[in-house]
């Protein structure tokens, strides 16, 4: 391995630890729930999930879990008390 690649690998490790460098704009992910797998999508702050709870409340365990995982890497709207 050449020295330039070693430097790139070290830089990649540093970047991966600096989460503020990353912002997801859109993605789709399958979340395996206790009963079913649910399809979740994110597009510039707009979450969607195919579970029934999301349809009624505009948030669900699947989207909230992804917000927890991605922390500062996605836009999050404040949660109003219901």
PDB file of N, CA and C in Angstrom:
ATOM      1  N   UNK A   1       0.858  -1.167   0.000  1.00  0.00           N
ATOM      2  CA  UNK A   1       0.000   0.000   0.000  1.00  0.00           C
ATOM      3  C   UNK A   1       0.908   1.235   0.000  1.00  0.00           C
ATOM      4  N   UNK A   2       0.536   2.214  -0.832  1.00  0.00           N
ATOM      5  CA  UNK A   2       1.383   3.405  -0.895  1.00  0.00           C
ATOM      6  C   UNK A   2       1.024   4.401   0.220  1.00  0.00           C
ATOM      7  N   UNK A   3       1.918   5.331   0.469  1.00  0.00           N
ATOM      8  CA  UNK A   3       1.741   6.280   1.569  1.00  0.00           C
ATOM      9  C   UNK A   3       0.529   7.182   1.379  1.00  0.00           C
ATOM     10  N   UNK A   4       0.192   7.524   0.148  1.00  0.00           N
ATOM     11  CA  UNK A   4      -0.972   8.392  -0.060  1.00  0.00           C
ATOM     12  C   UNK A   4      -2.255   7.685   0.371  1.00  0.00           C
ATOM     13  N   UNK A   5      -2.361   6.372   0.149  1.00  0.00           N
ATOM     14  CA  UNK A   5      -3.551   5.622   0.564  1.00  0.00           C
ATOM     15  C   UNK A   5      -3.609   5.521   2.085  1.00  0.00           C
ATOM     16  N   UNK A   6      -2.496   5.354   2.740  1.00  0.00           N
ATOM     17  CA  UNK A   6      -2.471   5.307   4.212  1.00  0.00           C
ATOM     18  C   UNK A   6      -3.007   6.610   4.773  1.00  0.00           C
ATOM     19  N   UNK A   7      -2.603   7.728   4.194  1.00  0.00           N
ATOM     20  CA  UNK A   7      -3.101   9.034   4.633  1.00  0.00           C
ATOM     21  C   UNK A   7      -4.598   9.155   4.430  1.00  0.00           C
ATOM     22  N   UNK A   8      -5.108   8.647   3.307  1.00  0.00           N
ATOM     23  CA  UNK A   8      -6.550   8.706   3.025  1.00  0.00           C
ATOM     24  C   UNK A   8      -7.337   7.847   4.009  1.00  0.00           C
ATOM     25  N   UNK A   9      -6.816   6.683   4.354  1.00  0.00           N
ATOM     26  CA  UNK A   9      -7.488   5.808   5.315  1.00  0.00           C
ATOM     27  C   UNK A   9      -7.557   6.483   6.688  1.00  0.00           C
ATOM     28  N   UNK A  10      -6.484   7.099   7.113  1.00  0.00           N
ATOM     29  CA  UNK A  10      -6.469   7.810   8.397  1.00  0.00           C
ATOM     30  C   UNK A  10      -7.449   8.971   8.391  1.00  0.00           C
ATOM     31  N   UNK A  11      -7.499   9.707   7.289  1.00  0.00           N
ATOM     32  CA  UNK A  11      -8.424  10.836   7.178  1.00  0.00           C
ATOM     33  C   UNK A  11      -9.875  10.341   7.203  1.00  0.00           C
ATOM     34  N   UNK A  12     -10.147   9.234   6.529  1.00  0.00           N
ATOM     35  CA  UNK A  12     -11.493   8.660   6.526  1.00  0.00           C
ATOM     36  C   UNK A  12     -11.921   8.261   7.933  1.00  0.00           C
ATOM     37  N   UNK A  13     -11.018   7.682   8.711  1.00  0.00           N
ATOM     38  CA  UNK A  13     -11.330   7.317  10.096  1.00  0.00           C
ATOM     39  C   UNK A  13     -11.667   8.558  10.919  1.00  0.00           C
ATOM     40  N   UNK A  14     -10.893   9.631  10.717  1.00  0.00           N
ATOM     41  CA  UNK A  14     -11.150  10.876  11.445  1.00  0.00           C
ATOM     42  C   UNK A  14     -12.505  11.450  11.042  1.00  0.00           C
ATOM     43  N   UNK A  15     -12.777  11.503   9.751  1.00  0.00           N
ATOM     44  CA  UNK A  15     -14.074  12.015   9.273  1.00  0.00           C
ATOM     45  C   UNK A  15     -15.233  11.216   9.874  1.00  0.00           C
ATOM     46  N   UNK A  16     -15.086   9.900   9.922  1.00  0.00           N
ATOM     47  CA  UNK A  16     -16.187   9.068  10.407  1.00  0.00           C
ATOM     48  C   UNK A  16     -16.500   9.320  11.879  1.00  0.00           C
ATOM     49  N   UNK A  17     -15.571   9.868  12.619  1.00  0.00           N
ATOM     50  CA  UNK A  17     -15.790  10.181  14.028  1.00  0.00           C
ATOM     51  C   UNK A  17     -16.339  11.594  14.220  1.00  0.00           C
ATOM     52  N   UNK A  18     -16.349  12.394  13.170  1.00  0.00           N
ATOM     53  CA  UNK A  18     -16.824  13.780  13.229  1.00  0.00           C
ATOM     54  C   UNK A  18     -18.180  13.866  12.530  1.00  0.00           C
ATOM     55  N   UNK A  19     -19.208  13.416  13.229  1.00  0.00           N
ATOM     56  CA  UNK A  19     -20.545  13.294  12.644  1.00  0.00           C
ATOM     57  C   UNK A  19     -21.090  14.597  12.085  1.00  0.00           C
ATOM     58  N   UNK A  20     -20.657  15.731  12.635  1.00  0.00           N
ATOM     59  CA  UNK A  20     -21.166  17.013  12.156  1.00  0.00           C
ATOM     60  C   UNK A  20     -20.780  17.280  10.703  1.00  0.00           C
ATOM     61  N   UNK A  21     -19.861  16.517  10.164  1.00  0.00           N
ATOM     62  CA  UNK A  21     -19.464  16.666   8.758  1.00  0.00           C
ATOM     63  C   UNK A  21     -20.536  16.135   7.805  1.00  0.00           C
ATOM     64  N   UNK A  22     -21.433  15.306   8.303  1.00  0.00           N
ATOM     65  CA  UNK A  22     -22.377  14.596   7.445  1.00  0.00           C
ATOM     66  C   UNK A  22     -23.801  15.090   7.654  1.00  0.00           C
ATOM     67  N   UNK A  23     -24.528  15.224   6.538  1.00  0.00           N
ATOM     68  CA  UNK A  23     -25.954  15.523   6.605  1.00  0.00           C
ATOM     69  C   UNK A  23     -26.643  14.700   5.526  1.00  0.00           C
ATOM     70  N   UNK A  24     -27.524  13.814   5.951  1.00  0.00           N
ATOM     71  CA  UNK A  24     -28.281  13.021   5.000  1.00  0.00           C
ATOM     72  C   UNK A  24     -29.359  13.895   4.381  1.00  0.00           C
ATOM     73  N   UNK A  25     -29.491  13.841   3.073  1.00  0.00           N
ATOM     74  CA  UNK A  25     -30.543  14.573   2.378  1.00  0.00           C
ATOM     75  C   UNK A  25     -31.733  13.673   2.085  1.00  0.00           C
ATOM     76  N   UNK A  26     -31.473  12.446   1.677  1.00  0.00           N
ATOM     77  CA  UNK A  26     -32.567  11.500   1.458  1.00  0.00           C
ATOM     78  C   UNK A  26     -32.026  10.077   1.478  1.00  0.00           C
ATOM     79  N   UNK A  27     -32.926   9.157   1.868  1.00  0.00           N
ATOM     80  CA  UNK A  27     -32.584   7.741   1.878  1.00  0.00           C
ATOM     81  C   UNK A  27     -33.839   6.917   2.100  1.00  0.00           C
ATOM     82  N   UNK A  28     -33.734   5.630   1.846  1.00  0.00           N
ATOM     83  CA  UNK A  28     -34.780   4.656   2.159  1.00  0.00           C
ATOM     84  C   UNK A  28     -34.126   3.532   2.939  1.00  0.00           C
ATOM     85  N   UNK A  29     -34.838   3.021   3.922  1.00  0.00           N
ATOM     86  CA  UNK A  29     -34.286   1.939   4.741  1.00  0.00           C
ATOM     87  C   UNK A  29     -35.421   1.018   5.193  1.00  0.00           C
ATOM     88  N   UNK A  30     -35.137  -0.263   5.283  1.00  0.00           N
ATOM     89  CA  UNK A  30     -36.079  -1.225   5.835  1.00  0.00           C
ATOM     90  C   UNK A  30     -35.740  -1.409   7.313  1.00  0.00           C
ATOM     91  N   UNK A  31     -36.753  -1.273   8.163  1.00  0.00           N
ATOM     92  CA  UNK A  31     -36.566  -1.425   9.608  1.00  0.00           C
ATOM     93  C   UNK A  31     -37.320  -2.685  10.039  1.00  0.00           C
ATOM     94  N   UNK A  32     -36.597  -3.633  10.617  1.00  0.00           N
ATOM     95  CA  UNK A  32     -37.222  -4.871  11.070  1.00  0.00           C
ATOM     96  C   UNK A  32     -37.835  -4.647  12.435  1.00  0.00           C
ATOM     97  N   UNK A  33     -39.157  -4.551  12.478  1.00  0.00           N
ATOM     98  CA  UNK A  33     -39.864  -4.387  13.734  1.00  0.00           C
ATOM     99  C   UNK A  33     -40.081  -5.727  14.412  1.00  0.00           C
ATOM    100  N   UNK A  34     -40.764  -5.700  15.559  1.00  0.00           N
ATOM    101  CA  UNK A  34     -41.048  -6.941  16.268  1.00  0.00           C
ATOM    102  C   UNK A  34     -41.984  -7.855  15.473  1.00  0.00           C
ATOM    103  N   UNK A  35     -42.898  -7.242  14.697  1.00  0.00           N
ATOM    104  CA  UNK A  35     -43.895  -8.024  13.962  1.00  0.00           C
ATOM    105  C   UNK A  35     -43.673  -8.030  12.457  1.00  0.00           C
ATOM    106  N   UNK A  36     -43.233  -6.927  11.899  1.00  0.00           N
ATOM    107  CA  UNK A  36     -43.067  -6.789  10.453  1.00  0.00           C
ATOM    108  C   UNK A  36     -41.862  -5.924  10.141  1.00  0.00           C
ATOM    109  N   UNK A  37     -41.458  -5.960   8.895  1.00  0.00           N
ATOM    110  CA  UNK A  37     -40.448  -5.039   8.402  1.00  0.00           C
ATOM    111  C   UNK A  37     -41.165  -3.847   7.805  1.00  0.00           C
ATOM    112  N   UNK A  38     -40.725  -2.640   8.151  1.00  0.00           N
ATOM    113  CA  UNK A  38     -41.367  -1.413   7.660  1.00  0.00           C
ATOM    114  C   UNK A  38     -40.385  -0.617   6.816  1.00  0.00           C
ATOM    115  N   UNK A  39     -40.923  -0.007   5.775  1.00  0.00           N
ATOM    116  CA  UNK A  39     -40.126   0.814   4.875  1.00  0.00           C
ATOM    117  C   UNK A  39     -40.215   2.270   5.303  1.00  0.00           C
ATOM    118  N   UNK A  40     -39.054   2.843   5.579  1.00  0.00           N
ATOM    119  CA  UNK A  40     -38.965   4.231   6.027  1.00  0.00           C
ATOM    120  C   UNK A  40     -38.179   5.006   4.978  1.00  0.00           C
ATOM    121  N   UNK A  41     -38.653   6.210   4.692  1.00  0.00           N
ATOM    122  CA  UNK A  41     -37.897   7.077   3.787  1.00  0.00           C
ATOM    123  C   UNK A  41     -37.729   8.441   4.428  1.00  0.00           C
ATOM    124  N   UNK A  42     -36.695   9.134   3.997  1.00  0.00           N
ATOM    125  CA  UNK A  42     -36.374  10.470   4.487  1.00  0.00           C
ATOM    126  C   UNK A  42     -35.989  11.311   3.281  1.00  0.00           C
ATOM    127  N   UNK A  43     -36.608  12.486   3.167  1.00  0.00           N
ATOM    128  CA  UNK A  43     -36.291  13.379   2.060  1.00  0.00           C
ATOM    129  C   UNK A  43     -36.299  14.817   2.566  1.00  0.00           C
ATOM    130  N   UNK A  44     -35.107  15.354   2.818  1.00  0.00           N
ATOM    131  CA  UNK A  44     -34.938  16.744   3.255  1.00  0.00           C
ATOM    132  C   UNK A  44     -35.867  17.129   4.407  1.00  0.00           C
ATOM    133  N   UNK A  45     -35.862  16.325   5.449  1.00  0.00           N
ATOM    134  CA  UNK A  45     -36.641  16.623   6.647  1.00  0.00           C
ATOM    135  C   UNK A  45     -38.022  15.989   6.666  1.00  0.00           C
ATOM    136  N   UNK A  46     -38.438  15.379   5.582  1.00  0.00           N
ATOM    137  CA  UNK A  46     -39.764  14.770   5.480  1.00  0.00           C
ATOM    138  C   UNK A  46     -39.652  13.253   5.651  1.00  0.00           C
ATOM    139  N   UNK A  47     -40.146  12.754   6.780  1.00  0.00           N
ATOM    140  CA  UNK A  47     -40.109  11.322   7.073  1.00  0.00           C
ATOM    141  C   UNK A  47     -41.386  10.662   6.595  1.00  0.00           C
ATOM    142  N   UNK A  48     -41.282   9.401   6.175  1.00  0.00           N
ATOM    143  CA  UNK A  48     -42.444   8.588   5.832  1.00  0.00           C
ATOM    144  C   UNK A  48     -42.161   7.161   6.307  1.00  0.00           C
ATOM    145  N   UNK A  49     -43.200   6.508   6.807  1.00  0.00           N
ATOM    146  CA  UNK A  49     -43.107   5.098   7.195  1.00  0.00           C
ATOM    147  C   UNK A  49     -44.417   4.441   6.800  1.00  0.00           C
ATOM    148  N   UNK A  50     -44.352   3.186   6.402  1.00  0.00           N
ATOM    149  CA  UNK A  50     -45.566   2.498   5.963  1.00  0.00           C
ATOM    150  C   UNK A  50     -46.347   1.840   7.111  1.00  0.00           C
ATOM    151  N   UNK A  51     -45.964   2.117   8.362  1.00  0.00           N
ATOM    152  CA  UNK A  51     -46.718   1.536   9.479  1.00  0.00           C
ATOM    153  C   UNK A  51     -47.962   2.376   9.788  1.00  0.00           C
ATOM    154  N   UNK A  52     -48.938   1.730  10.394  1.00  0.00           N
ATOM    155  CA  UNK A  52     -50.211   2.385  10.700  1.00  0.00           C
ATOM    156  C   UNK A  52     -50.042   3.544  11.694  1.00  0.00           C
ATOM    157  N   UNK A  53     -49.186   3.376  12.690  1.00  0.00           N
ATOM    158  CA  UNK A  53     -48.997   4.418  13.695  1.00  0.00           C
ATOM    159  C   UNK A  53     -48.499   5.706  13.046  1.00  0.00           C
ATOM    160  N   UNK A  54     -47.568   5.596  12.097  1.00  0.00           N
ATOM    161  CA  UNK A  54     -47.052   6.787  11.420  1.00  0.00           C
ATOM    162  C   UNK A  54     -48.169   7.502  10.669  1.00  0.00           C
ATOM    163  N   UNK A  55     -49.052   6.750  10.041  1.00  0.00           N
ATOM    164  CA  UNK A  55     -50.167   7.345   9.303  1.00  0.00           C
ATOM    165  C   UNK A  55     -51.024   8.224  10.204  1.00  0.00           C
ATOM    166  N   UNK A  56     -51.182   7.823  11.436  1.00  0.00           N
ATOM    167  CA  UNK A  56     -52.032   8.560  12.381  1.00  0.00           C
ATOM    168  C   UNK A  56     -51.295   9.683  13.110  1.00  0.00           C
ATOM    169  N   UNK A  57     -49.985   9.545  13.319  1.00  0.00           N
ATOM    170  CA  UNK A  57     -49.257  10.464  14.197  1.00  0.00           C
ATOM    171  C   UNK A  57     -48.084  11.209  13.549  1.00  0.00           C
ATOM    172  N   UNK A  58     -47.776  10.900  12.297  1.00  0.00           N
ATOM    173  CA  UNK A  58     -46.653  11.524  11.565  1.00  0.00           C
ATOM    174  C   UNK A  58     -45.291  11.252  12.194  1.00  0.00           C
ATOM    175  N   UNK A  59     -45.217  10.268  13.054  1.00  0.00           N
ATOM    176  CA  UNK A  59     -43.955   9.764  13.616  1.00  0.00           C
ATOM    177  C   UNK A  59     -44.251   8.391  14.203  1.00  0.00           C
ATOM    178  N   UNK A  60     -43.220   7.614  14.357  1.00  0.00           N
ATOM    179  CA  UNK A  60     -43.409   6.255  14.881  1.00  0.00           C
ATOM    180  C   UNK A  60     -42.090   5.770  15.466  1.00  0.00           C
ATOM    181  N   UNK A  61     -42.111   4.584  16.042  1.00  0.00           N
ATOM    182  CA  UNK A  61     -40.908   4.020  16.648  1.00  0.00           C
ATOM    183  C   UNK A  61     -39.806   3.847  15.607  1.00  0.00           C
ATOM    184  N   UNK A  62     -40.175   3.573  14.375  1.00  0.00           N
ATOM    185  CA  UNK A  62     -39.190   3.325  13.318  1.00  0.00           C
ATOM    186  C   UNK A  62     -38.463   4.619  12.929  1.00  0.00           C
ATOM    187  N   UNK A  63     -39.213   5.703  12.761  1.00  0.00           N
ATOM    188  CA  UNK A  63     -38.576   6.987  12.410  1.00  0.00           C
ATOM    189  C   UNK A  63     -37.818   7.560  13.603  1.00  0.00           C
ATOM    190  N   UNK A  64     -38.379   7.416  14.804  1.00  0.00           N
ATOM    191  CA  UNK A  64     -37.695   7.952  15.995  1.00  0.00           C
ATOM    192  C   UNK A  64     -36.388   7.203  16.257  1.00  0.00           C
ATOM    193  N   UNK A  65     -36.369   5.899  16.004  1.00  0.00           N
ATOM    194  CA  UNK A  65     -35.126   5.126  16.185  1.00  0.00           C
ATOM    195  C   UNK A  65     -34.057   5.611  15.218  1.00  0.00           C
ATOM    196  N   UNK A  66     -34.447   5.894  13.979  1.00  0.00           N
ATOM    197  CA  UNK A  66     -33.473   6.396  13.004  1.00  0.00           C
ATOM    198  C   UNK A  66     -32.959   7.777  13.385  1.00  0.00           C
ATOM    199  N   UNK A  67     -33.827   8.627  13.907  1.00  0.00           N
ATOM    200  CA  UNK A  67     -33.373   9.944  14.387  1.00  0.00           C
ATOM    201  C   UNK A  67     -32.344   9.760  15.488  1.00  0.00           C
ATOM    202  N   UNK A  68     -32.589   8.822  16.397  1.00  0.00           N
ATOM    203  CA  UNK A  68     -31.621   8.558  17.480  1.00  0.00           C
ATOM    204  C   UNK A  68     -30.286   8.070  16.928  1.00  0.00           C
ATOM    205  N   UNK A  69     -30.321   7.207  15.935  1.00  0.00           N
ATOM    206  CA  UNK A  69     -29.089   6.676  15.354  1.00  0.00           C
ATOM    207  C   UNK A  69     -28.320   7.762  14.616  1.00  0.00           C
ATOM    208  N   UNK A  70     -29.040   8.561  13.833  1.00  0.00           N
ATOM    209  CA  UNK A  70     -28.387   9.533  12.950  1.00  0.00           C
ATOM    210  C   UNK A  70     -28.102  10.868  13.628  1.00  0.00           C
ATOM    211  N   UNK A  71     -28.659  11.071  14.814  1.00  0.00           N
ATOM    212  CA  UNK A  71     -28.424  12.264  15.632  1.00  0.00           C
ATOM    213  C   UNK A  71     -28.392  13.542  14.797  1.00  0.00           C
ATOM    214  N   UNK A  72     -27.265  14.171  14.684  1.00  0.00           N
ATOM    215  CA  UNK A  72     -27.153  15.480  14.031  1.00  0.00           C
ATOM    216  C   UNK A  72     -27.096  15.404  12.512  1.00  0.00           C
ATOM    217  N   UNK A  73     -27.182  14.212  11.951  1.00  0.00           N
ATOM    218  CA  UNK A  73     -27.015  14.065  10.511  1.00  0.00           C
ATOM    219  C   UNK A  73     -28.314  14.205   9.722  1.00  0.00           C
ATOM    220  N   UNK A  74     -29.449  14.424  10.408  1.00  0.00           N
ATOM    221  CA  UNK A  74     -30.725  14.676   9.745  1.00  0.00           C
ATOM    222  C   UNK A  74     -31.394  15.875  10.413  1.00  0.00           C
ATOM    223  N   UNK A  75     -32.239  16.562   9.648  1.00  0.00           N
ATOM    224  CA  UNK A  75     -33.031  17.652  10.222  1.00  0.00           C
ATOM    225  C   UNK A  75     -34.139  17.024  11.063  1.00  0.00           C
ATOM    226  N   UNK A  76     -34.385  17.604  12.234  1.00  0.00           N
ATOM    227  CA  UNK A  76     -35.423  17.083  13.112  1.00  0.00           C
ATOM    228  C   UNK A  76     -36.346  18.223  13.501  1.00  0.00           C
ATOM    229  N   UNK A  77     -37.647  18.009  13.258  1.00  0.00           N
ATOM    230  CA  UNK A  77     -38.654  18.973  13.686  1.00  0.00           C
ATOM    231  C   UNK A  77     -38.940  18.737  15.160  1.00  0.00           C
ATOM    232  N   UNK A  78     -39.183  19.805  15.927  1.00  0.00           N
ATOM    233  CA  UNK A  78     -39.522  19.629  17.350  1.00  0.00           C
ATOM    234  C   UNK A  78     -40.785  18.788  17.504  1.00  0.00           C
ATOM    235  N   UNK A  79     -40.817  17.958  18.535  1.00  0.00           N
ATOM    236  CA  UNK A  79     -41.969  17.118  18.799  1.00  0.00           C
ATOM    237  C   UNK A  79     -42.928  17.868  19.698  1.00  0.00           C
ATOM    238  N   UNK A  80     -44.165  18.048  19.209  1.00  0.00           N
ATOM    239  CA  UNK A  80     -45.201  18.713  20.005  1.00  0.00           C
ATOM    240  C   UNK A  80     -45.863  17.674  20.908  1.00  0.00           C
ATOM    241  N   UNK A  81     -46.236  18.100  22.095  1.00  0.00           N
ATOM    242  CA  UNK A  81     -46.945  17.193  23.015  1.00  0.00           C
ATOM    243  C   UNK A  81     -48.316  16.882  22.439  1.00  0.00           C
ATOM    244  N   UNK A  82     -48.699  15.629  22.485  1.00  0.00           N
ATOM    245  CA  UNK A  82     -49.995  15.234  21.939  1.00  0.00           C
ATOM    246  C   UNK A  82     -50.992  15.032  23.032  1.00  0.00           C
TER     247      UNK A  82
END
